[in-house]
Amino acid sequence: MTREAKMEVIKYNPEIILKQHELPVFKRYKDGITHVIIGAENMYQACRCCGHLKNEKEYNLHGYIDQYGRRMLRTDCRECQNANDRVLHNLKKENGPPSSYCAICEKEGNTVLDHCHETLKFRGWLCNSCNIGLGKLKDSIEMLERGIKYLKGELNE
């Protein structure tokens, strides 16, 4: 299902929201579509990349739509998102076409570019699952080693 089709399927209806899922929302109009966004109009949030406190208008919409038809703002401001997009574009151009297999699990299929977020250096091509896994462990060798010990039953709690 395409993103446009999904947007048509899930319409915002405040009457079906369970009490525990009620959140403040505001509307943003873009390209002739009304988007219902979790938060408050003219709110400020800190960008996860640059750390600056910025108005909600300086953030793009997140692609995810919840079960009630609400969207969230991205956690990186447009300026940081654009800078990151340029880095990824250049790394993809410099490092050729994607590999047909993941450098970690070696499964064949689609791969995504993996890079160090501190040095901006290319590391390789990974499947989405392995890339997310590294990200969840904060790209930390120490956390990966601790995870290996955990799997081997070597952690002393």
N, C-alpha and C. Protein backbone atom coordinates (compact mmCIF):
# COMPACT_ATOMS: atom_id res chain seq x y z
N MET A 1 0.84 -1.17 0.00
CA MET A 1 0.00 0.00 0.00
C MET A 1 0.89 1.24 0.00
N THR A 2 0.62 2.16 -0.88
CA THR A 2 1.43 3.38 -0.95
C THR A 2 1.09 4.30 0.21
N ARG A 3 1.98 5.25 0.47
CA ARG A 3 1.77 6.20 1.55
C ARG A 3 0.49 7.00 1.30
N GLU A 4 0.25 7.38 0.03
CA GLU A 4 -0.95 8.14 -0.30
C GLU A 4 -2.20 7.31 -0.03
N ALA A 5 -2.15 6.03 -0.41
CA ALA A 5 -3.30 5.16 -0.18
C ALA A 5 -3.53 4.98 1.31
N LYS A 6 -2.47 4.83 2.08
CA LYS A 6 -2.61 4.67 3.52
C LYS A 6 -3.22 5.91 4.14
N MET A 7 -2.82 7.10 3.64
CA MET A 7 -3.37 8.34 4.16
C MET A 7 -4.87 8.41 3.89
N GLU A 8 -5.32 7.86 2.78
CA GLU A 8 -6.74 7.86 2.45
C GLU A 8 -7.50 6.88 3.34
N VAL A 9 -6.88 5.77 3.70
CA VAL A 9 -7.54 4.74 4.48
C VAL A 9 -7.73 5.19 5.93
N ILE A 10 -6.72 5.82 6.51
CA ILE A 10 -6.78 6.20 7.92
C ILE A 10 -7.16 7.67 8.02
N LYS A 11 -8.38 7.92 8.37
CA LYS A 11 -8.87 9.29 8.56
C LYS A 11 -8.91 9.58 10.05
N TYR A 12 -8.53 10.80 10.41
CA TYR A 12 -8.55 11.21 11.80
C TYR A 12 -9.99 11.32 12.28
N ASN A 13 -10.31 10.61 13.35
CA ASN A 13 -11.64 10.65 13.95
C ASN A 13 -11.47 10.67 15.46
N PRO A 14 -11.57 11.85 16.08
CA PRO A 14 -11.34 11.95 17.52
C PRO A 14 -12.33 11.14 18.36
N GLU A 15 -13.48 10.78 17.80
CA GLU A 15 -14.48 10.05 18.57
C GLU A 15 -14.10 8.59 18.81
N ILE A 16 -13.16 8.04 18.03
CA ILE A 16 -12.79 6.63 18.22
C ILE A 16 -11.54 6.46 19.08
N ILE A 17 -10.93 7.56 19.48
CA ILE A 17 -9.69 7.47 20.25
C ILE A 17 -10.00 7.04 21.68
N LEU A 18 -9.30 6.01 22.13
CA LEU A 18 -9.46 5.55 23.50
C LEU A 18 -8.97 6.64 24.46
N LYS A 19 -9.56 6.73 25.61
CA LYS A 19 -9.23 7.79 26.58
C LYS A 19 -7.73 7.84 26.87
N GLN A 20 -7.09 6.68 27.05
CA GLN A 20 -5.67 6.65 27.39
C GLN A 20 -4.77 7.04 26.21
N HIS A 21 -5.34 7.12 24.99
CA HIS A 21 -4.56 7.50 23.81
C HIS A 21 -4.81 8.94 23.37
N GLU A 22 -5.60 9.69 24.14
CA GLU A 22 -5.89 11.07 23.77
C GLU A 22 -4.63 11.92 23.94
N LEU A 23 -4.33 12.69 22.92
CA LEU A 23 -3.17 13.59 22.94
C LEU A 23 -3.58 14.89 22.26
N PRO A 24 -2.94 16.01 22.63
CA PRO A 24 -3.25 17.25 21.93
C PRO A 24 -2.81 17.15 20.47
N VAL A 25 -3.58 17.74 19.58
CA VAL A 25 -3.25 17.72 18.15
C VAL A 25 -3.47 19.10 17.54
N PHE A 26 -2.82 19.32 16.41
CA PHE A 26 -3.06 20.51 15.60
C PHE A 26 -3.03 20.09 14.15
N LYS A 27 -3.44 20.98 13.26
CA LYS A 27 -3.52 20.64 11.84
C LYS A 27 -2.50 21.44 11.06
N ARG A 28 -1.93 20.79 10.05
CA ARG A 28 -1.03 21.45 9.11
C ARG A 28 -1.53 21.10 7.72
N TYR A 29 -1.62 22.11 6.88
CA TYR A 29 -2.09 21.92 5.51
C TYR A 29 -0.89 21.91 4.58
N LYS A 30 -0.78 20.85 3.78
CA LYS A 30 0.33 20.75 2.84
C LYS A 30 -0.14 20.04 1.59
N ASP A 31 0.15 20.64 0.45
CA ASP A 31 -0.20 20.05 -0.85
C ASP A 31 -1.67 19.66 -0.93
N GLY A 32 -2.54 20.49 -0.37
CA GLY A 32 -3.97 20.24 -0.45
C GLY A 32 -4.47 19.17 0.51
N ILE A 33 -3.61 18.69 1.40
CA ILE A 33 -3.99 17.65 2.36
C ILE A 33 -3.91 18.23 3.77
N THR A 34 -4.89 17.92 4.58
CA THR A 34 -4.88 18.31 5.98
C THR A 34 -4.25 17.19 6.79
N HIS A 35 -3.17 17.49 7.49
CA HIS A 35 -2.49 16.51 8.34
C HIS A 35 -2.80 16.84 9.79
N VAL A 36 -3.20 15.83 10.56
CA VAL A 36 -3.43 16.00 11.99
C VAL A 36 -2.16 15.54 12.69
N ILE A 37 -1.57 16.45 13.46
CA ILE A 37 -0.25 16.20 14.05
C ILE A 37 -0.35 16.21 15.56
N ILE A 38 0.31 15.25 16.20
CA ILE A 38 0.35 15.18 17.65
C ILE A 38 1.23 16.32 18.15
N GLY A 39 0.69 17.12 19.07
CA GLY A 39 1.44 18.25 19.63
C GLY A 39 0.56 19.47 19.67
N ALA A 40 1.20 20.65 19.72
CA ALA A 40 0.46 21.90 19.78
C ALA A 40 1.01 22.85 18.73
N GLU A 41 0.12 23.59 18.11
CA GLU A 41 0.56 24.54 17.10
C GLU A 41 1.51 25.55 17.74
N ASN A 42 2.57 25.89 17.01
CA ASN A 42 3.62 26.82 17.45
C ASN A 42 4.42 26.31 18.64
N MET A 43 4.37 24.99 18.89
CA MET A 43 5.19 24.42 19.97
C MET A 43 6.65 24.44 19.55
N TYR A 44 7.53 24.29 20.51
CA TYR A 44 8.96 24.21 20.27
C TYR A 44 9.45 22.85 20.71
N GLN A 45 10.40 22.32 19.95
CA GLN A 45 11.02 21.06 20.35
C GLN A 45 12.50 21.13 20.01
N ALA A 46 13.28 20.34 20.73
CA ALA A 46 14.73 20.32 20.52
C ALA A 46 15.05 19.33 19.41
N CYS A 47 15.88 19.75 18.47
CA CYS A 47 16.34 18.88 17.39
C CYS A 47 17.30 17.85 17.97
N ARG A 48 17.12 16.58 17.63
CA ARG A 48 17.98 15.52 18.16
C ARG A 48 19.40 15.60 17.60
N CYS A 49 19.59 16.33 16.49
CA CYS A 49 20.91 16.43 15.88
C CYS A 49 21.68 17.65 16.39
N CYS A 50 21.11 18.84 16.19
CA CYS A 50 21.83 20.06 16.56
C CYS A 50 21.53 20.51 17.98
N GLY A 51 20.44 20.00 18.56
CA GLY A 51 20.09 20.35 19.93
C GLY A 51 19.39 21.68 20.09
N HIS A 52 19.22 22.44 19.01
CA HIS A 52 18.57 23.74 19.09
C HIS A 52 17.06 23.60 19.29
N LEU A 53 16.50 24.49 20.07
CA LEU A 53 15.07 24.54 20.29
C LEU A 53 14.45 25.31 19.13
N LYS A 54 13.56 24.65 18.39
CA LYS A 54 13.00 25.26 17.18
C LYS A 54 11.49 25.09 17.14
N ASN A 55 10.83 26.02 16.44
CA ASN A 55 9.40 26.00 16.26
C ASN A 55 8.98 24.80 15.42
N GLU A 56 7.78 24.30 15.65
CA GLU A 56 7.28 23.13 14.92
C GLU A 56 7.28 23.32 13.41
N LYS A 57 7.21 24.56 12.96
CA LYS A 57 7.21 24.83 11.52
C LYS A 57 8.55 24.50 10.87
N GLU A 58 9.61 24.32 11.68
CA GLU A 58 10.93 24.01 11.15
C GLU A 58 11.20 22.51 11.09
N TYR A 59 10.14 21.71 11.26
CA TYR A 59 10.24 20.25 11.21
C TYR A 59 9.30 19.70 10.15
N ASN A 60 9.76 18.69 9.43
CA ASN A 60 8.91 17.99 8.47
C ASN A 60 8.07 16.95 9.21
N LEU A 61 7.08 16.44 8.53
CA LEU A 61 6.24 15.39 9.10
C LEU A 61 6.94 14.05 9.03
N HIS A 62 6.75 13.25 10.05
CA HIS A 62 7.24 11.87 10.05
C HIS A 62 6.33 11.07 9.14
N GLY A 63 6.86 10.07 8.47
CA GLY A 63 6.07 9.27 7.53
C GLY A 63 5.04 8.39 8.18
N TYR A 64 5.23 8.05 9.45
CA TYR A 64 4.34 7.12 10.15
C TYR A 64 3.01 7.78 10.49
N ILE A 65 1.92 7.07 10.28
CA ILE A 65 0.58 7.50 10.67
C ILE A 65 0.05 6.49 11.67
N ASP A 66 -0.37 6.95 12.86
CA ASP A 66 -0.83 6.00 13.87
C ASP A 66 -2.23 5.47 13.55
N GLN A 67 -2.72 4.57 14.39
CA GLN A 67 -4.00 3.91 14.14
C GLN A 67 -5.18 4.86 14.16
N TYR A 68 -4.97 6.08 14.64
CA TYR A 68 -6.04 7.08 14.69
C TYR A 68 -5.90 8.14 13.60
N GLY A 69 -4.94 7.97 12.70
CA GLY A 69 -4.76 8.92 11.60
C GLY A 69 -3.93 10.14 11.98
N ARG A 70 -3.21 10.05 13.10
CA ARG A 70 -2.38 11.18 13.54
C ARG A 70 -0.94 10.96 13.11
N ARG A 71 -0.26 12.06 12.88
CA ARG A 71 1.15 11.99 12.51
C ARG A 71 1.98 12.70 13.57
N MET A 72 3.28 12.49 13.50
CA MET A 72 4.20 13.18 14.40
C MET A 72 5.16 14.00 13.56
N LEU A 73 5.83 14.94 14.22
CA LEU A 73 6.90 15.66 13.54
C LEU A 73 8.16 14.82 13.62
N ARG A 74 9.05 15.01 12.66
CA ARG A 74 10.35 14.35 12.73
C ARG A 74 11.10 14.89 13.93
N THR A 75 12.11 14.18 14.38
CA THR A 75 12.88 14.62 15.54
C THR A 75 14.11 15.42 15.14
N ASP A 76 14.39 15.48 13.83
CA ASP A 76 15.49 16.32 13.34
C ASP A 76 14.89 17.47 12.53
N CYS A 77 15.41 18.68 12.76
CA CYS A 77 14.88 19.85 12.06
C CYS A 77 15.19 19.75 10.56
N ARG A 78 14.51 20.57 9.76
CA ARG A 78 14.71 20.53 8.31
C ARG A 78 16.17 20.77 7.94
N GLU A 79 16.81 21.71 8.61
CA GLU A 79 18.20 22.04 8.31
C GLU A 79 19.11 20.82 8.52
N CYS A 80 18.95 20.14 9.64
CA CYS A 80 19.76 18.94 9.91
C CYS A 80 19.37 17.79 8.99
N GLN A 81 18.07 17.65 8.71
CA GLN A 81 17.61 16.60 7.80
C GLN A 81 18.22 16.80 6.42
N ASN A 82 18.22 18.04 5.93
CA ASN A 82 18.80 18.33 4.62
C ASN A 82 20.29 18.06 4.60
N ALA A 83 21.00 18.43 5.67
CA ALA A 83 22.44 18.18 5.76
C ALA A 83 22.72 16.68 5.75
N ASN A 84 21.94 15.92 6.51
CA ASN A 84 22.11 14.47 6.55
C ASN A 84 21.80 13.84 5.20
N ASP A 85 20.77 14.33 4.53
CA ASP A 85 20.43 13.83 3.19
C ASP A 85 21.58 14.06 2.21
N ARG A 86 22.23 15.22 2.31
CA ARG A 86 23.38 15.51 1.43
C ARG A 86 24.54 14.57 1.72
N VAL A 87 24.81 14.29 3.00
CA VAL A 87 25.88 13.37 3.38
C VAL A 87 25.59 11.99 2.80
N LEU A 88 24.36 11.50 3.00
CA LEU A 88 23.99 10.18 2.48
C LEU A 88 24.09 10.12 0.96
N HIS A 89 23.63 11.18 0.30
CA HIS A 89 23.72 11.23 -1.17
C HIS A 89 25.17 11.13 -1.62
N ASN A 90 26.06 11.90 -1.00
CA ASN A 90 27.48 11.87 -1.37
C ASN A 90 28.13 10.52 -1.06
N LEU A 91 27.79 9.93 0.09
CA LEU A 91 28.36 8.62 0.43
C LEU A 91 27.89 7.55 -0.55
N LYS A 92 26.64 7.61 -0.96
CA LYS A 92 26.13 6.64 -1.94
C LYS A 92 26.83 6.81 -3.28
N LYS A 93 27.05 8.06 -3.66
CA LYS A 93 27.72 8.34 -4.93
C LYS A 93 29.18 7.86 -4.88
N GLU A 94 29.85 8.08 -3.76
CA GLU A 94 31.27 7.71 -3.62
C GLU A 94 31.47 6.21 -3.49
N ASN A 95 30.48 5.49 -2.98
CA ASN A 95 30.67 4.07 -2.68
C ASN A 95 29.91 3.13 -3.58
N GLY A 96 29.56 3.61 -4.74
CA GLY A 96 28.99 2.75 -5.76
C GLY A 96 27.63 2.21 -5.45
N PRO A 97 27.17 1.29 -6.29
CA PRO A 97 25.84 0.72 -6.10
C PRO A 97 25.81 -0.15 -4.84
N PRO A 98 24.64 -0.27 -4.22
CA PRO A 98 24.52 -1.10 -3.01
C PRO A 98 24.88 -2.55 -3.28
N SER A 99 25.38 -3.19 -2.25
CA SER A 99 25.68 -4.61 -2.32
C SER A 99 24.36 -5.37 -2.37
N SER A 100 24.40 -6.57 -2.89
CA SER A 100 23.18 -7.39 -2.95
C SER A 100 23.03 -8.27 -1.70
N TYR A 101 23.99 -8.16 -0.76
CA TYR A 101 23.88 -8.93 0.49
C TYR A 101 24.38 -8.09 1.66
N CYS A 102 23.89 -8.42 2.84
CA CYS A 102 24.22 -7.69 4.07
C CYS A 102 25.60 -8.10 4.57
N ALA A 103 26.40 -7.12 4.95
CA ALA A 103 27.76 -7.39 5.43
C ALA A 103 27.76 -8.10 6.79
N ILE A 104 26.67 -8.06 7.54
CA ILE A 104 26.63 -8.70 8.85
C ILE A 104 25.98 -10.08 8.77
N CYS A 105 24.72 -10.15 8.37
CA CYS A 105 24.02 -11.44 8.37
C CYS A 105 24.20 -12.21 7.07
N GLU A 106 24.74 -11.56 6.06
CA GLU A 106 25.04 -12.14 4.75
C GLU A 106 23.80 -12.59 3.97
N LYS A 107 22.61 -12.14 4.39
CA LYS A 107 21.41 -12.47 3.64
C LYS A 107 21.38 -11.63 2.37
N GLU A 108 20.89 -12.25 1.31
CA GLU A 108 20.76 -11.55 0.04
C GLU A 108 19.47 -10.75 0.02
N GLY A 109 19.52 -9.57 -0.57
CA GLY A 109 18.33 -8.72 -0.65
C GLY A 109 18.70 -7.25 -0.66
N ASN A 110 17.73 -6.42 -0.40
CA ASN A 110 17.96 -4.98 -0.38
C ASN A 110 18.86 -4.59 0.79
N THR A 111 19.75 -3.65 0.54
CA THR A 111 20.62 -3.15 1.59
C THR A 111 20.54 -1.63 1.67
N VAL A 112 20.92 -1.11 2.82
CA VAL A 112 20.96 0.34 3.05
C VAL A 112 22.38 0.73 3.42
N LEU A 113 22.69 1.98 3.19
CA LEU A 113 24.03 2.49 3.49
C LEU A 113 24.19 2.65 4.99
N ASP A 114 25.26 2.13 5.55
CA ASP A 114 25.58 2.31 6.97
C ASP A 114 26.79 3.23 7.05
N HIS A 115 26.70 4.21 7.94
CA HIS A 115 27.81 5.14 8.13
C HIS A 115 27.91 5.55 9.58
N CYS A 116 29.09 6.01 9.98
CA CYS A 116 29.31 6.51 11.33
C CYS A 116 28.71 7.91 11.42
N HIS A 117 27.86 8.12 12.39
CA HIS A 117 27.19 9.42 12.53
C HIS A 117 28.11 10.49 13.11
N GLU A 118 29.23 10.07 13.69
CA GLU A 118 30.19 11.04 14.24
C GLU A 118 31.22 11.46 13.19
N THR A 119 31.80 10.48 12.50
CA THR A 119 32.85 10.79 11.51
C THR A 119 32.29 10.97 10.10
N LEU A 120 31.05 10.54 9.90
CA LEU A 120 30.38 10.57 8.59
C LEU A 120 31.08 9.69 7.56
N LYS A 121 31.80 8.69 8.02
CA LYS A 121 32.50 7.76 7.14
C LYS A 121 31.61 6.57 6.81
N PHE A 122 31.70 6.13 5.56
CA PHE A 122 30.99 4.96 5.07
C PHE A 122 31.53 3.71 5.76
N ARG A 123 30.62 2.82 6.23
CA ARG A 123 31.05 1.56 6.84
C ARG A 123 30.70 0.36 5.99
N GLY A 124 29.60 0.41 5.26
CA GLY A 124 29.23 -0.73 4.44
C GLY A 124 27.75 -0.72 4.12
N TRP A 125 27.32 -1.83 3.52
CA TRP A 125 25.92 -2.01 3.15
C TRP A 125 25.31 -3.08 4.03
N LEU A 126 24.19 -2.75 4.69
CA LEU A 126 23.53 -3.67 5.61
C LEU A 126 22.06 -3.81 5.25
N CYS A 127 21.49 -4.95 5.65
CA CYS A 127 20.03 -5.06 5.53
C CYS A 127 19.43 -4.12 6.56
N ASN A 128 18.18 -3.77 6.38
CA ASN A 128 17.53 -2.83 7.28
C ASN A 128 17.52 -3.34 8.72
N SER A 129 17.29 -4.64 8.91
CA SER A 129 17.25 -5.20 10.26
C SER A 129 18.58 -5.05 10.98
N CYS A 130 19.68 -5.37 10.32
CA CYS A 130 21.00 -5.25 10.94
C CYS A 130 21.35 -3.78 11.20
N ASN A 131 20.98 -2.91 10.28
CA ASN A 131 21.25 -1.48 10.45
C ASN A 131 20.49 -0.93 11.66
N ILE A 132 19.22 -1.31 11.78
CA ILE A 132 18.42 -0.87 12.93
C ILE A 132 18.97 -1.47 14.22
N GLY A 133 19.40 -2.73 14.15
CA GLY A 133 19.98 -3.38 15.33
C GLY A 133 21.20 -2.64 15.85
N LEU A 134 22.09 -2.26 14.95
CA LEU A 134 23.27 -1.48 15.37
C LEU A 134 22.85 -0.15 15.97
N GLY A 135 21.87 0.48 15.36
CA GLY A 135 21.38 1.76 15.86
C GLY A 135 20.76 1.63 17.24
N LYS A 136 19.99 0.58 17.46
CA LYS A 136 19.37 0.35 18.78
C LYS A 136 20.44 0.15 19.85
N LEU A 137 21.58 -0.41 19.46
CA LEU A 137 22.69 -0.58 20.40
C LEU A 137 23.65 0.61 20.35
N LYS A 138 23.18 1.70 19.79
CA LYS A 138 23.89 2.99 19.74
C LYS A 138 25.25 2.90 19.06
N ASP A 139 25.40 1.97 18.10
CA ASP A 139 26.66 1.76 17.38
C ASP A 139 27.83 1.58 18.34
N SER A 140 27.56 1.01 19.50
CA SER A 140 28.56 0.88 20.57
C SER A 140 29.17 -0.52 20.58
N ILE A 141 30.47 -0.59 20.42
CA ILE A 141 31.17 -1.88 20.49
C ILE A 141 30.98 -2.50 21.87
N GLU A 142 31.01 -1.67 22.92
CA GLU A 142 30.83 -2.18 24.29
C GLU A 142 29.46 -2.83 24.46
N MET A 143 28.42 -2.18 23.92
CA MET A 143 27.08 -2.76 24.04
C MET A 143 26.96 -4.04 23.22
N LEU A 144 27.59 -4.07 22.05
CA LEU A 144 27.57 -5.29 21.24
C LEU A 144 28.29 -6.44 21.96
N GLU A 145 29.44 -6.14 22.56
CA GLU A 145 30.17 -7.16 23.31
C GLU A 145 29.36 -7.65 24.50
N ARG A 146 28.69 -6.75 25.19
CA ARG A 146 27.84 -7.13 26.32
C ARG A 146 26.68 -8.01 25.81
N GLY A 147 26.13 -7.68 24.64
CA GLY A 147 25.07 -8.49 24.05
C GLY A 147 25.55 -9.90 23.74
N ILE A 148 26.79 -10.02 23.25
CA ILE A 148 27.36 -11.34 22.97
C ILE A 148 27.50 -12.13 24.26
N LYS A 149 28.00 -11.49 25.32
CA LYS A 149 28.12 -12.17 26.62
C LYS A 149 26.75 -12.61 27.13
N TYR A 150 25.75 -11.76 26.95
CA TYR A 150 24.39 -12.08 27.37
C TYR A 150 23.90 -13.34 26.64
N LEU A 151 24.09 -13.37 25.31
CA LEU A 151 23.64 -14.51 24.52
C LEU A 151 24.37 -15.81 24.92
N LYS A 152 25.61 -15.67 25.33
CA LYS A 152 26.38 -16.84 25.76
C LYS A 152 26.10 -17.23 27.21
N GLY A 153 25.30 -16.42 27.91
CA GLY A 153 25.01 -16.69 29.30
C GLY A 153 26.14 -16.36 30.24
N GLU A 154 27.01 -15.45 29.83
CA GLU A 154 28.21 -15.11 30.60
C GLU A 154 28.06 -13.86 31.46
N LEU A 155 26.89 -13.26 31.45
CA LEU A 155 26.71 -12.05 32.27
C LEU A 155 26.38 -12.47 33.71
N ASN A 156 27.09 -11.89 34.63
CA ASN A 156 26.82 -12.15 36.05
C ASN A 156 25.97 -11.00 36.58
N GLU A 157 24.73 -11.30 36.84
CA GLU A 157 23.82 -10.26 37.32
C GLU A 157 23.87 -10.18 38.82
